[in-house]
Amino acid sequence: MSQKTEEELRHALGNAKAETEALKSMLSKAADRLEEVVEADCSETEQQKALATARRLRVAISRTDGADGQVDGVSADLSGGARSPRG
């Protein structure tokens, strides 16, 4: 792999990681806000819906938490090797 290609891939990976972190932050804030809404005057049904949505958002966040060099559970090997699922 050429050095320029590797640099481009590293840059793209860095951008993808930054975007993932920004999205996780947005999801976390949305979950926090839903939990705040539940504390307000809402019907029991609406409270349960909001809490369920907040839980789903937090699960989505936790599923994107991986080890360094992994995005969505797939190893991002930039040394020319194959990508392999995390195991």
N, C-alpha and C. Protein backbone atom coordinates (compact mmCIF):
# COMPACT_ATOMS: atom_id res chain seq x y z
N MET A 1 0.85 -1.17 0.00
CA MET A 1 0.00 0.00 0.00
C MET A 1 0.90 1.23 0.00
N SER A 2 0.58 2.20 -0.82
CA SER A 2 1.40 3.41 -0.88
C SER A 2 1.21 4.23 0.39
N GLN A 3 2.21 5.05 0.69
CA GLN A 3 2.15 5.88 1.89
C GLN A 3 0.98 6.86 1.82
N LYS A 4 0.73 7.42 0.62
CA LYS A 4 -0.36 8.37 0.48
C LYS A 4 -1.70 7.70 0.75
N THR A 5 -1.89 6.49 0.22
CA THR A 5 -3.13 5.76 0.43
C THR A 5 -3.32 5.47 1.91
N GLU A 6 -2.24 5.05 2.58
CA GLU A 6 -2.34 4.75 4.00
C GLU A 6 -2.69 6.00 4.80
N GLU A 7 -2.08 7.13 4.45
CA GLU A 7 -2.39 8.38 5.13
C GLU A 7 -3.85 8.77 4.90
N GLU A 8 -4.33 8.60 3.68
CA GLU A 8 -5.73 8.91 3.37
C GLU A 8 -6.67 8.02 4.18
N LEU A 9 -6.33 6.73 4.29
CA LEU A 9 -7.15 5.81 5.06
C LEU A 9 -7.14 6.16 6.55
N ARG A 10 -5.97 6.51 7.05
CA ARG A 10 -5.89 6.91 8.47
C ARG A 10 -6.72 8.18 8.72
N HIS A 11 -6.65 9.11 7.78
CA HIS A 11 -7.44 10.33 7.90
C HIS A 11 -8.94 10.01 7.87
N ALA A 12 -9.34 9.16 6.94
CA ALA A 12 -10.75 8.77 6.84
C ALA A 12 -11.20 8.05 8.11
N LEU A 13 -10.36 7.19 8.65
CA LEU A 13 -10.69 6.48 9.89
C LEU A 13 -10.83 7.47 11.04
N GLY A 14 -9.93 8.43 11.11
CA GLY A 14 -10.01 9.46 12.15
C GLY A 14 -11.30 10.25 12.04
N ASN A 15 -11.67 10.60 10.82
CA ASN A 15 -12.93 11.32 10.62
C ASN A 15 -14.12 10.47 11.05
N ALA A 16 -14.10 9.18 10.70
CA ALA A 16 -15.20 8.29 11.07
C ALA A 16 -15.31 8.15 12.58
N LYS A 17 -14.16 8.05 13.25
CA LYS A 17 -14.18 7.96 14.71
C LYS A 17 -14.73 9.24 15.34
N ALA A 18 -14.31 10.38 14.82
CA ALA A 18 -14.80 11.66 15.34
C ALA A 18 -16.30 11.79 15.13
N GLU A 19 -16.77 11.38 13.97
CA GLU A 19 -18.20 11.43 13.68
C GLU A 19 -18.97 10.50 14.61
N THR A 20 -18.43 9.31 14.85
CA THR A 20 -19.07 8.36 15.76
C THR A 20 -19.18 8.94 17.16
N GLU A 21 -18.11 9.57 17.63
CA GLU A 21 -18.13 10.17 18.97
C GLU A 21 -19.16 11.30 19.04
N ALA A 22 -19.26 12.11 17.99
CA ALA A 22 -20.24 13.19 17.97
C ALA A 22 -21.66 12.64 18.01
N LEU A 23 -21.91 11.58 17.25
CA LEU A 23 -23.24 10.97 17.24
C LEU A 23 -23.56 10.34 18.59
N LYS A 24 -22.58 9.70 19.22
CA LYS A 24 -22.80 9.12 20.54
C LYS A 24 -23.14 10.21 21.55
N SER A 25 -22.48 11.34 21.44
CA SER A 25 -22.77 12.46 22.33
C SER A 25 -24.20 12.95 22.13
N MET A 26 -24.61 13.06 20.87
CA MET A 26 -25.98 13.51 20.57
C MET A 26 -27.00 12.51 21.12
N LEU A 27 -26.74 11.22 20.96
CA LEU A 27 -27.65 10.20 21.48
C LEU A 27 -27.73 10.26 23.00
N SER A 28 -26.59 10.47 23.63
CA SER A 28 -26.57 10.56 25.09
C SER A 28 -27.38 11.75 25.58
N LYS A 29 -27.23 12.88 24.92
CA LYS A 29 -28.00 14.07 25.29
C LYS A 29 -29.49 13.85 25.07
N ALA A 30 -29.84 13.15 23.98
CA ALA A 30 -31.25 12.86 23.72
C ALA A 30 -31.81 11.95 24.80
N ALA A 31 -31.04 10.94 25.21
CA ALA A 31 -31.49 10.04 26.27
C ALA A 31 -31.65 10.81 27.58
N ASP A 32 -30.71 11.70 27.89
CA ASP A 32 -30.82 12.52 29.10
C ASP A 32 -32.08 13.37 29.07
N ARG A 33 -32.34 13.96 27.93
CA ARG A 33 -33.52 14.83 27.79
C ARG A 33 -34.82 14.02 27.96
N LEU A 34 -34.86 12.83 27.38
CA LEU A 34 -36.04 11.99 27.55
C LEU A 34 -36.27 11.65 29.01
N GLU A 35 -35.20 11.36 29.73
CA GLU A 35 -35.35 11.06 31.15
C GLU A 35 -35.84 12.28 31.93
N GLU A 36 -35.42 13.48 31.51
CA GLU A 36 -35.91 14.71 32.15
C GLU A 36 -37.41 14.88 31.89
N VAL A 37 -37.83 14.57 30.69
CA VAL A 37 -39.24 14.70 30.33
C VAL A 37 -40.09 13.77 31.20
N VAL A 38 -39.57 12.60 31.47
CA VAL A 38 -40.30 11.64 32.29
C VAL A 38 -40.56 12.20 33.67
N GLU A 39 -39.63 13.00 34.16
CA GLU A 39 -39.80 13.59 35.48
C GLU A 39 -40.89 14.67 35.49
N ALA A 40 -41.23 15.20 34.34
CA ALA A 40 -42.28 16.22 34.24
C ALA A 40 -43.64 15.53 34.32
N ASP A 41 -44.68 16.32 34.32
CA ASP A 41 -46.02 15.76 34.37
C ASP A 41 -46.38 15.11 33.05
N CYS A 42 -46.34 13.79 33.04
CA CYS A 42 -46.70 13.01 31.86
C CYS A 42 -47.55 11.84 32.33
N SER A 43 -48.30 11.30 31.41
CA SER A 43 -49.05 10.10 31.75
C SER A 43 -48.08 8.95 31.96
N GLU A 44 -48.52 7.93 32.67
CA GLU A 44 -47.68 6.76 32.92
C GLU A 44 -47.24 6.11 31.61
N THR A 45 -48.15 6.05 30.64
CA THR A 45 -47.84 5.45 29.34
C THR A 45 -46.74 6.23 28.63
N GLU A 46 -46.84 7.54 28.61
CA GLU A 46 -45.83 8.37 27.96
C GLU A 46 -44.49 8.28 28.69
N GLN A 47 -44.53 8.19 30.00
CA GLN A 47 -43.29 8.04 30.76
C GLN A 47 -42.60 6.73 30.39
N GLN A 48 -43.36 5.66 30.29
CA GLN A 48 -42.78 4.36 29.95
C GLN A 48 -42.19 4.38 28.54
N LYS A 49 -42.89 5.02 27.61
CA LYS A 49 -42.37 5.13 26.23
C LYS A 49 -41.06 5.91 26.20
N ALA A 50 -41.01 7.02 26.94
CA ALA A 50 -39.80 7.84 26.96
C ALA A 50 -38.64 7.08 27.58
N LEU A 51 -38.89 6.37 28.67
CA LEU A 51 -37.83 5.59 29.32
C LEU A 51 -37.35 4.47 28.41
N ALA A 52 -38.26 3.82 27.70
CA ALA A 52 -37.87 2.75 26.77
C ALA A 52 -37.00 3.31 25.65
N THR A 53 -37.35 4.47 25.14
CA THR A 53 -36.56 5.10 24.08
C THR A 53 -35.18 5.48 24.61
N ALA A 54 -35.13 6.03 25.81
CA ALA A 54 -33.84 6.38 26.41
C ALA A 54 -32.96 5.14 26.57
N ARG A 55 -33.55 4.03 26.99
CA ARG A 55 -32.79 2.78 27.12
C ARG A 55 -32.25 2.33 25.77
N ARG A 56 -33.09 2.41 24.73
CA ARG A 56 -32.64 2.01 23.38
C ARG A 56 -31.49 2.89 22.90
N LEU A 57 -31.56 4.18 23.18
CA LEU A 57 -30.47 5.08 22.79
C LEU A 57 -29.19 4.71 23.52
N ARG A 58 -29.30 4.40 24.80
CA ARG A 58 -28.10 4.04 25.56
C ARG A 58 -27.53 2.70 25.09
N VAL A 59 -28.37 1.77 24.69
CA VAL A 59 -27.88 0.50 24.14
C VAL A 59 -27.14 0.77 22.83
N ALA A 60 -27.68 1.64 21.99
CA ALA A 60 -27.02 1.99 20.73
C ALA A 60 -25.65 2.59 20.99
N ILE A 61 -25.56 3.43 22.00
CA ILE A 61 -24.28 4.03 22.35
C ILE A 61 -23.30 2.95 22.81
N SER A 62 -23.75 2.07 23.68
CA SER A 62 -22.84 1.05 24.22
C SER A 62 -22.37 0.08 23.15
N ARG A 63 -23.18 -0.16 22.14
CA ARG A 63 -22.78 -1.08 21.07
C ARG A 63 -21.71 -0.50 20.16
N THR A 64 -21.55 0.81 20.17
CA THR A 64 -20.51 1.43 19.35
C THR A 64 -19.21 1.59 20.10
N ASP A 65 -19.22 1.31 21.41
CA ASP A 65 -18.00 1.40 22.20
C ASP A 65 -17.14 0.18 21.92
N GLY A 66 -16.00 0.40 21.28
CA GLY A 66 -15.10 -0.70 20.97
C GLY A 66 -13.69 -0.34 21.35
N ALA A 67 -12.81 -1.29 21.19
CA ALA A 67 -11.39 -1.05 21.47
C ALA A 67 -10.82 -0.14 20.39
N ASP A 68 -9.69 0.47 20.69
CA ASP A 68 -9.03 1.33 19.70
C ASP A 68 -8.78 0.55 18.42
N GLY A 69 -8.99 1.19 17.30
CA GLY A 69 -8.76 0.56 16.01
C GLY A 69 -9.94 -0.27 15.54
N GLN A 70 -11.05 -0.20 16.27
CA GLN A 70 -12.22 -0.97 15.86
C GLN A 70 -13.40 -0.03 15.71
N VAL A 71 -14.11 -0.23 14.63
CA VAL A 71 -15.31 0.54 14.37
C VAL A 71 -16.43 -0.45 14.12
N ASP A 72 -17.50 -0.35 14.90
CA ASP A 72 -18.63 -1.27 14.78
C ASP A 72 -18.20 -2.72 14.87
N GLY A 73 -17.25 -3.01 15.78
CA GLY A 73 -16.83 -4.39 16.01
C GLY A 73 -15.93 -4.98 14.96
N VAL A 74 -15.43 -4.17 14.02
CA VAL A 74 -14.55 -4.68 12.97
C VAL A 74 -13.20 -4.01 13.12
N SER A 75 -12.16 -4.80 13.10
CA SER A 75 -10.81 -4.28 13.22
C SER A 75 -10.45 -3.50 11.96
N ALA A 76 -9.92 -2.31 12.13
CA ALA A 76 -9.51 -1.48 11.00
C ALA A 76 -8.01 -1.61 10.85
N ASP A 77 -7.55 -2.61 10.16
CA ASP A 77 -6.12 -2.88 9.97
C ASP A 77 -5.64 -2.10 8.75
N LEU A 78 -4.83 -1.06 9.01
CA LEU A 78 -4.35 -0.21 7.91
C LEU A 78 -2.99 -0.64 7.41
N SER A 79 -2.50 -1.77 7.88
CA SER A 79 -1.17 -2.21 7.44
C SER A 79 -1.24 -3.07 6.20
N GLY A 80 -2.40 -3.17 5.61
CA GLY A 80 -2.54 -3.98 4.39
C GLY A 80 -3.17 -5.32 4.66
N GLY A 81 -3.43 -5.62 5.94
CA GLY A 81 -4.06 -6.89 6.29
C GLY A 81 -5.55 -6.85 6.07
N ALA A 82 -6.17 -7.99 6.21
CA ALA A 82 -7.61 -8.08 6.03
C ALA A 82 -8.33 -7.57 7.28
N ARG A 83 -9.53 -7.13 7.09
CA ARG A 83 -10.37 -6.74 8.21
C ARG A 83 -11.00 -7.99 8.77
N SER A 84 -11.03 -8.08 10.09
CA SER A 84 -11.61 -9.27 10.71
C SER A 84 -12.54 -8.87 11.83
N PRO A 85 -13.61 -9.65 12.03
CA PRO A 85 -14.53 -9.33 13.13
C PRO A 85 -13.82 -9.46 14.46
N ARG A 86 -14.26 -8.66 15.40
CA ARG A 86 -13.71 -8.71 16.76
C ARG A 86 -14.15 -10.01 17.38
N GLY A 87 -13.27 -10.68 18.10
CA GLY A 87 -13.64 -11.94 18.69
C GLY A 87 -13.25 -12.14 20.07
